PDB file of N, CA and C in Angstrom:
ATOM      1  N   GLU A   1       0.822  -1.179   0.000  1.00  0.00           N
ATOM      2  CA  GLU A   1       0.000   0.000   0.000  1.00  0.00           C
ATOM      3  C   GLU A   1       0.874   1.253   0.000  1.00  0.00           C
ATOM      4  N   TYR A   2       1.810   1.339   0.940  1.00  0.00           N
ATOM      5  CA  TYR A   2       2.659   2.527   0.994  1.00  0.00           C
ATOM      6  C   TYR A   2       3.601   2.579  -0.198  1.00  0.00           C
ATOM      7  N   LEU A   3       4.048   1.435  -0.675  1.00  0.00           N
ATOM      8  CA  LEU A   3       4.899   1.399  -1.859  1.00  0.00           C
ATOM      9  C   LEU A   3       4.187   2.052  -3.033  1.00  0.00           C
ATOM     10  N   ASP A   4       2.928   1.726  -3.233  1.00  0.00           N
ATOM     11  CA  ASP A   4       2.149   2.349  -4.306  1.00  0.00           C
ATOM     12  C   ASP A   4       2.093   3.862  -4.132  1.00  0.00           C
ATOM     13  N   LYS A   5       1.947   4.306  -2.893  1.00  0.00           N
ATOM     14  CA  LYS A   5       1.849   5.742  -2.615  1.00  0.00           C
ATOM     15  C   LYS A   5       3.138   6.466  -2.996  1.00  0.00           C
ATOM     16  N   ILE A   6       4.273   5.946  -2.573  1.00  0.00           N
ATOM     17  CA  ILE A   6       5.515   6.669  -2.873  1.00  0.00           C
ATOM     18  C   ILE A   6       5.864   6.595  -4.357  1.00  0.00           C
ATOM     19  N   ILE A   7       5.506   5.509  -5.015  1.00  0.00           N
ATOM     20  CA  ILE A   7       5.723   5.427  -6.461  1.00  0.00           C
ATOM     21  C   ILE A   7       4.842   6.451  -7.168  1.00  0.00           C
ATOM     22  N   ALA A   8       3.591   6.577  -6.732  1.00  0.00           N
ATOM     23  CA  ALA A   8       2.677   7.559  -7.319  1.00  0.00           C
ATOM     24  C   ALA A   8       3.185   8.980  -7.116  1.00  0.00           C
ATOM     25  N   GLU A   9       3.939   9.198  -6.048  1.00  0.00           N
ATOM     26  CA  GLU A   9       4.495  10.520  -5.777  1.00  0.00           C
ATOM     27  C   GLU A   9       5.808  10.757  -6.514  1.00  0.00           C
ATOM     28  N   GLY A  10       6.223   9.781  -7.319  1.00  0.00           N
ATOM     29  CA  GLY A  10       7.406   9.966  -8.152  1.00  0.00           C
ATOM     30  C   GLY A  10       8.721   9.550  -7.526  1.00  0.00           C
ATOM     31  N   VAL A  11       8.662   8.841  -6.415  1.00  0.00           N
ATOM     32  CA  VAL A  11       9.896   8.381  -5.779  1.00  0.00           C
ATOM     33  C   VAL A  11      10.511   7.279  -6.636  1.00  0.00           C
ATOM     34  N   GLU A  12      11.787   7.437  -6.946  1.00  0.00           N
ATOM     35  CA  GLU A  12      12.507   6.413  -7.710  1.00  0.00           C
ATOM     36  C   GLU A  12      13.143   5.438  -6.726  1.00  0.00           C
ATOM     37  N   ILE A  13      12.791   4.177  -6.843  1.00  0.00           N
ATOM     38  CA  ILE A  13      13.320   3.155  -5.945  1.00  0.00           C
ATOM     39  C   ILE A  13      14.457   2.450  -6.663  1.00  0.00           C
ATOM     40  N   ARG A  14      15.628   2.517  -6.055  1.00  0.00           N
ATOM     41  CA  ARG A  14      16.802   1.911  -6.677  1.00  0.00           C
ATOM     42  C   ARG A  14      17.490   0.977  -5.699  1.00  0.00           C
ATOM     43  N   LYS A  15      18.193   0.016  -6.258  1.00  0.00           N
ATOM     44  CA  LYS A  15      18.967  -0.949  -5.477  1.00  0.00           C
ATOM     45  C   LYS A  15      20.343  -0.345  -5.193  1.00  0.00           C
ATOM     46  N   PHE A  16      20.888  -0.636  -4.022  1.00  0.00           N
ATOM     47  CA  PHE A  16      22.263  -0.246  -3.748  1.00  0.00           C
ATOM     48  C   PHE A  16      23.178  -0.982  -4.719  1.00  0.00           C
ATOM     49  N   PRO A  17      24.297  -0.380  -5.085  1.00  0.00           N
ATOM     50  CA  PRO A  17      25.260  -1.083  -5.951  1.00  0.00           C
ATOM     51  C   PRO A  17      25.772  -2.351  -5.261  1.00  0.00           C
ATOM     52  N   ASP A  18      26.120  -3.347  -6.068  1.00  0.00           N
ATOM     53  CA  ASP A  18      26.575  -4.628  -5.524  1.00  0.00           C
ATOM     54  C   ASP A  18      27.765  -4.475  -4.589  1.00  0.00           C
ATOM     55  N   ASP A  19      28.716  -3.596  -4.923  1.00  0.00           N
ATOM     56  CA  ASP A  19      29.890  -3.443  -4.063  1.00  0.00           C
ATOM     57  C   ASP A  19      29.503  -2.895  -2.689  1.00  0.00           C
ATOM     58  N   VAL A  20      28.502  -2.047  -2.631  1.00  0.00           N
ATOM     59  CA  VAL A  20      28.025  -1.521  -1.349  1.00  0.00           C
ATOM     60  C   VAL A  20      27.350  -2.638  -0.550  1.00  0.00           C
ATOM     61  N   LEU A  21      26.532  -3.437  -1.209  1.00  0.00           N
ATOM     62  CA  LEU A  21      25.855  -4.543  -0.524  1.00  0.00           C
ATOM     63  C   LEU A  21      26.854  -5.571  -0.001  1.00  0.00           C
ATOM     64  N   VAL A  22      27.885  -5.857  -0.775  1.00  0.00           N
ATOM     65  CA  VAL A  22      28.919  -6.802  -0.336  1.00  0.00           C
ATOM     66  C   VAL A  22      29.641  -6.247   0.892  1.00  0.00           C
ATOM     67  N   LYS A  23      29.986  -4.971   0.863  1.00  0.00           N
ATOM     68  CA  LYS A  23      30.678  -4.355   2.001  1.00  0.00           C
ATOM     69  C   LYS A  23      29.790  -4.363   3.251  1.00  0.00           C
ATOM     70  N   LEU A  24      28.516  -4.038   3.088  1.00  0.00           N
ATOM     71  CA  LEU A  24      27.594  -4.075   4.223  1.00  0.00           C
ATOM     72  C   LEU A  24      27.481  -5.478   4.801  1.00  0.00           C
ATOM     73  N   LYS A  25      27.418  -6.479   3.940  1.00  0.00           N
ATOM     74  CA  LYS A  25      27.358  -7.882   4.400  1.00  0.00           C
ATOM     75  C   LYS A  25      28.619  -8.237   5.177  1.00  0.00           C
ATOM     76  N   ASP A  26      29.784  -7.862   4.628  1.00  0.00           N
ATOM     77  CA  ASP A  26      31.050  -8.156   5.306  1.00  0.00           C
ATOM     78  C   ASP A  26      31.110  -7.500   6.685  1.00  0.00           C
ATOM     79  N   LEU A  27      30.712  -6.236   6.759  1.00  0.00           N
ATOM     80  CA  LEU A  27      30.728  -5.529   8.043  1.00  0.00           C
ATOM     81  C   LEU A  27      29.727  -6.137   9.023  1.00  0.00           C
ATOM     82  N   SER A  28      28.559  -6.504   8.527  1.00  0.00           N
ATOM     83  CA  SER A  28      27.558  -7.147   9.385  1.00  0.00           C
ATOM     84  C   SER A  28      28.076  -8.468   9.927  1.00  0.00           C
ATOM     85  N   ASP A  29      28.685  -9.267   9.056  1.00  0.00           N
ATOM     86  CA  ASP A  29      29.244 -10.551   9.493  1.00  0.00           C
ATOM     87  C   ASP A  29      30.302 -10.350  10.572  1.00  0.00           C
ATOM     88  N   GLU A  30      31.107  -9.310  10.415  1.00  0.00           N
ATOM     89  CA  GLU A  30      32.161  -9.023  11.392  1.00  0.00           C
ATOM     90  C   GLU A  30      31.558  -8.660  12.752  1.00  0.00           C
ATOM     91  N   VAL A  31      30.566  -7.795  12.754  1.00  0.00           N
ATOM     92  CA  VAL A  31      29.921  -7.390  14.007  1.00  0.00           C
ATOM     93  C   VAL A  31      29.224  -8.583  14.661  1.00  0.00           C
ATOM     94  N   ILE A  32      28.524  -9.377  13.866  1.00  0.00           N
ATOM     95  CA  ILE A  32      27.833 -10.554  14.405  1.00  0.00           C
ATOM     96  C   ILE A  32      28.835 -11.518  15.027  1.00  0.00           C
ATOM     97  N   ALA A  33      29.948 -11.754  14.357  1.00  0.00           N
ATOM     98  CA  ALA A  33      30.967 -12.664  14.891  1.00  0.00           C
ATOM     99  C   ALA A  33      31.516 -12.149  16.219  1.00  0.00           C
ATOM    100  N   GLU A  34      31.778 -10.845  16.293  1.00  0.00           N
ATOM    101  CA  GLU A  34      32.287 -10.257  17.537  1.00  0.00           C
ATOM    102  C   GLU A  34      31.270 -10.398  18.666  1.00  0.00           C
ATOM    103  N   GLN A  35      30.019 -10.099  18.379  1.00  0.00           N
ATOM    104  CA  GLN A  35      28.978 -10.167  19.402  1.00  0.00           C
ATOM    105  C   GLN A  35      28.726 -11.605  19.852  1.00  0.00           C
ATOM    106  N   CYS A  36      28.731 -12.531  18.907  1.00  0.00           N
ATOM    107  CA  CYS A  36      28.515 -13.940  19.247  1.00  0.00           C
ATOM    108  C   CYS A  36      29.676 -14.495  20.067  1.00  0.00           C
ATOM    109  N   ALA A  37      30.886 -14.036  19.781  1.00  0.00           N
ATOM    110  CA  ALA A  37      32.050 -14.484  20.544  1.00  0.00           C
ATOM    111  C   ALA A  37      31.984 -13.994  21.988  1.00  0.00           C
ATOM    112  N   ALA A  38      31.336 -12.855  22.191  1.00  0.00           N
ATOM    113  CA  ALA A  38      31.259 -12.268  23.527  1.00  0.00           C
ATOM    114  C   ALA A  38      30.039 -12.724  24.319  1.00  0.00           C
ATOM    115  N   ASN A  39      29.101 -13.418  23.667  1.00  0.00           N
ATOM    116  CA  ASN A  39      27.850 -13.754  24.338  1.00  0.00           C
ATOM    117  C   ASN A  39      27.374 -15.123  23.869  1.00  0.00           C
ATOM    118  N   ALA A  40      27.526 -16.115  24.734  1.00  0.00           N
ATOM    119  CA  ALA A  40      27.188 -17.499  24.376  1.00  0.00           C
ATOM    120  C   ALA A  40      25.702 -17.667  24.054  1.00  0.00           C
ATOM    121  N   GLU A  41      24.832 -16.980  24.800  1.00  0.00           N
ATOM    122  CA  GLU A  41      23.394 -17.097  24.521  1.00  0.00           C
ATOM    123  C   GLU A  41      23.046 -16.502  23.160  1.00  0.00           C
ATOM    124  N   LEU A  42      23.626 -15.359  22.866  1.00  0.00           N
ATOM    125  CA  LEU A  42      23.413 -14.746  21.551  1.00  0.00           C
ATOM    126  C   LEU A  42      23.914 -15.675  20.456  1.00  0.00           C
ATOM    127  N   ASN A  43      25.068 -16.271  20.667  1.00  0.00           N
ATOM    128  CA  ASN A  43      25.626 -17.192  19.681  1.00  0.00           C
ATOM    129  C   ASN A  43      24.684 -18.366  19.438  1.00  0.00           C
ATOM    130  N   GLU A  44      24.113 -18.907  20.509  1.00  0.00           N
ATOM    131  CA  GLU A  44      23.187 -20.035  20.364  1.00  0.00           C
ATOM    132  C   GLU A  44      21.956 -19.628  19.545  1.00  0.00           C
ATOM    133  N   VAL A  45      21.403 -18.468  19.860  1.00  0.00           N
ATOM    134  CA  VAL A  45      20.233 -17.981  19.123  1.00  0.00           C
ATOM    135  C   VAL A  45      20.596 -17.717  17.669  1.00  0.00           C
ATOM    136  N   TYR A  46      21.731 -17.070  17.446  1.00  0.00           N
ATOM    137  CA  TYR A  46      22.138 -16.745  16.080  1.00  0.00           C
ATOM    138  C   TYR A  46      22.379 -18.010  15.260  1.00  0.00           C
ATOM    139  N   GLN A  47      23.040 -18.991  15.847  1.00  0.00           N
ATOM    140  CA  GLN A  47      23.304 -20.234  15.111  1.00  0.00           C
ATOM    141  C   GLN A  47      21.997 -20.939  14.752  1.00  0.00           C
ATOM    142  N   SER A  48      21.050 -20.938  15.670  1.00  0.00           N
ATOM    143  CA  SER A  48      19.745 -21.539  15.392  1.00  0.00           C
ATOM    144  C   SER A  48      19.037 -20.792  14.264  1.00  0.00           C
ATOM    145  N   MET A  49      19.059 -19.469  14.344  1.00  0.00           N
ATOM    146  CA  MET A  49      18.434 -18.653  13.306  1.00  0.00           C
ATOM    147  C   MET A  49      19.104 -18.881  11.953  1.00  0.00           C
ATOM    148  N   ASN A  50      20.412 -18.952  11.955  1.00  0.00           N
ATOM    149  CA  ASN A  50      21.166 -19.141  10.719  1.00  0.00           C
ATOM    150  C   ASN A  50      20.878 -20.511  10.098  1.00  0.00           C
ATOM    151  N   THR A  51      20.761 -21.537  10.932  1.00  0.00           N
ATOM    152  CA  THR A  51      20.409 -22.870  10.436  1.00  0.00           C
ATOM    153  C   THR A  51      19.038 -22.839   9.779  1.00  0.00           C
ATOM    154  N   PHE A  52      18.074 -22.210  10.443  1.00  0.00           N
ATOM    155  CA  PHE A  52      16.731 -22.093   9.869  1.00  0.00           C
ATOM    156  C   PHE A  52      16.773 -21.339   8.545  1.00  0.00           C
ATOM    157  N   LYS A  53      17.506 -20.232   8.509  1.00  0.00           N
ATOM    158  CA  LYS A  53      17.602 -19.430   7.280  1.00  0.00           C
ATOM    159  C   LYS A  53      18.152 -20.267   6.137  1.00  0.00           C
ATOM    160  N   ASN A  54      19.207 -21.016   6.389  1.00  0.00           N
ATOM    161  CA  ASN A  54      19.804 -21.842   5.336  1.00  0.00           C
ATOM    162  C   ASN A  54      18.840 -22.916   4.850  1.00  0.00           C
ATOM    163  N   GLU A  55      18.141 -23.544   5.779  1.00  0.00           N
ATOM    164  CA  GLU A  55      17.178 -24.576   5.395  1.00  0.00           C
ATOM    165  C   GLU A  55      15.996 -23.977   4.637  1.00  0.00           C
ATOM    166  N   SER A  56      15.522 -22.827   5.080  1.00  0.00           N
ATOM    167  CA  SER A  56      14.380 -22.213   4.396  1.00  0.00           C
ATOM    168  C   SER A  56      14.791 -21.654   3.039  1.00  0.00           C
ATOM    169  N   ASN A  57      16.032 -21.186   2.906  1.00  0.00           N
ATOM    170  CA  ASN A  57      16.512 -20.723   1.601  1.00  0.00           C
ATOM    171  C   ASN A  57      16.549 -21.869   0.601  1.00  0.00           C
ATOM    172  N   ALA A  58      16.940 -23.046   1.052  1.00  0.00           N
ATOM    173  CA  ALA A  58      16.970 -24.212   0.166  1.00  0.00           C
ATOM    174  C   ALA A  58      15.555 -24.546  -0.299  1.00  0.00           C
ATOM    175  N   TRP A  59      14.596 -24.473   0.620  1.00  0.00           N
ATOM    176  CA  TRP A  59      13.204 -24.745   0.254  1.00  0.00           C
ATOM    177  C   TRP A  59      12.679 -23.675  -0.708  1.00  0.00           C
ATOM    178  N   ARG A  60      12.979 -22.418  -0.403  1.00  0.00           N
ATOM    179  CA  ARG A  60      12.527 -21.321  -1.267  1.00  0.00           C
ATOM    180  C   ARG A  60      13.061 -21.479  -2.681  1.00  0.00           C
ATOM    181  N   ALA A  61      14.309 -21.905  -2.807  1.00  0.00           N
ATOM    182  CA  ALA A  61      14.906 -22.090  -4.133  1.00  0.00           C
ATOM    183  C   ALA A  61      14.155 -23.151  -4.930  1.00  0.00           C
ATOM    184  N   LEU A  62      13.652 -24.161  -4.231  1.00  0.00           N
ATOM    185  CA  LEU A  62      12.916 -25.234  -4.904  1.00  0.00           C
ATOM    186  C   LEU A  62      11.466 -24.873  -5.183  1.00  0.00           C
ATOM    187  N   SER A  63      10.912 -23.989  -4.402  1.00  0.00           N
ATOM    188  CA  SER A  63       9.482 -23.709  -4.534  1.00  0.00           C
ATOM    189  C   SER A  63       9.217 -22.311  -5.089  1.00  0.00           C
ATOM    190  N   GLU A  64       9.351 -21.303  -4.263  1.00  0.00           N
ATOM    191  CA  GLU A  64       8.983 -19.953  -4.664  1.00  0.00           C
ATOM    192  C   GLU A  64       9.824 -19.426  -5.819  1.00  0.00           C
ATOM    193  N   ASP A  65      11.134 -19.592  -5.758  1.00  0.00           N
ATOM    194  CA  ASP A  65      11.989 -19.088  -6.831  1.00  0.00           C
ATOM    195  C   ASP A  65      11.691 -19.778  -8.150  1.00  0.00           C
ATOM    196  N   ALA A  66      11.376 -21.067  -8.086  1.00  0.00           N
ATOM    197  CA  ALA A  66      11.068 -21.812  -9.307  1.00  0.00           C
ATOM    198  C   ALA A  66       9.767 -21.326  -9.936  1.00  0.00           C
ATOM    199  N   MET A  67       8.829 -20.882  -9.120  1.00  0.00           N
ATOM    200  CA  MET A  67       7.532 -20.436  -9.628  1.00  0.00           C
ATOM    201  C   MET A  67       7.497 -18.955  -9.988  1.00  0.00           C
ATOM    202  N   ALA A  68       8.433 -18.173  -9.471  1.00  0.00           N
ATOM    203  CA  ALA A  68       8.396 -16.719  -9.639  1.00  0.00           C
ATOM    204  C   ALA A  68       8.228 -16.262 -11.086  1.00  0.00           C
ATOM    205  N   PRO A  69       8.940 -16.849 -12.062  1.00  0.00           N
ATOM    206  CA  PRO A  69       8.769 -16.370 -13.440  1.00  0.00           C
ATOM    207  C   PRO A  69       7.341 -16.541 -13.973  1.00  0.00           C
ATOM    208  N   TYR A  70       6.601 -17.462 -13.404  1.00  0.00           N
ATOM    209  CA  TYR A  70       5.249 -17.744 -13.885  1.00  0.00           C
ATOM    210  C   TYR A  70       4.180 -16.944 -13.149  1.00  0.00           C
ATOM    211  N   LEU A  71       4.581 -16.208 -12.127  1.00  0.00           N
ATOM    212  CA  LEU A  71       3.622 -15.469 -11.309  1.00  0.00           C
ATOM    213  C   LEU A  71       3.537 -13.996 -11.668  1.00  0.00           C
ATOM    214  N   LYS A  72       4.239 -13.581 -12.690  1.00  0.00           N
ATOM    215  CA  LYS A  72       4.238 -12.161 -13.076  1.00  0.00           C
ATOM    216  C   LYS A  72       3.035 -11.815 -13.903  1.00  0.00           C
TER     217      LYS A  72
END
């Protein structure tokens, strides 16, 4: 709903350049590693979340991503 509103108002939505996204990912990974090393409970939660993300990404690749070209 809000996306339609800002597009109607002429807002141009653009993706960050790939090099910026890669740098942000690298910095995020660094901060997460530091925080997880300092906090065992956080590390446990993060590892669980990361396992779920990896498993759900594999499922998404088989299901949603495979169907996406046909849903446009």
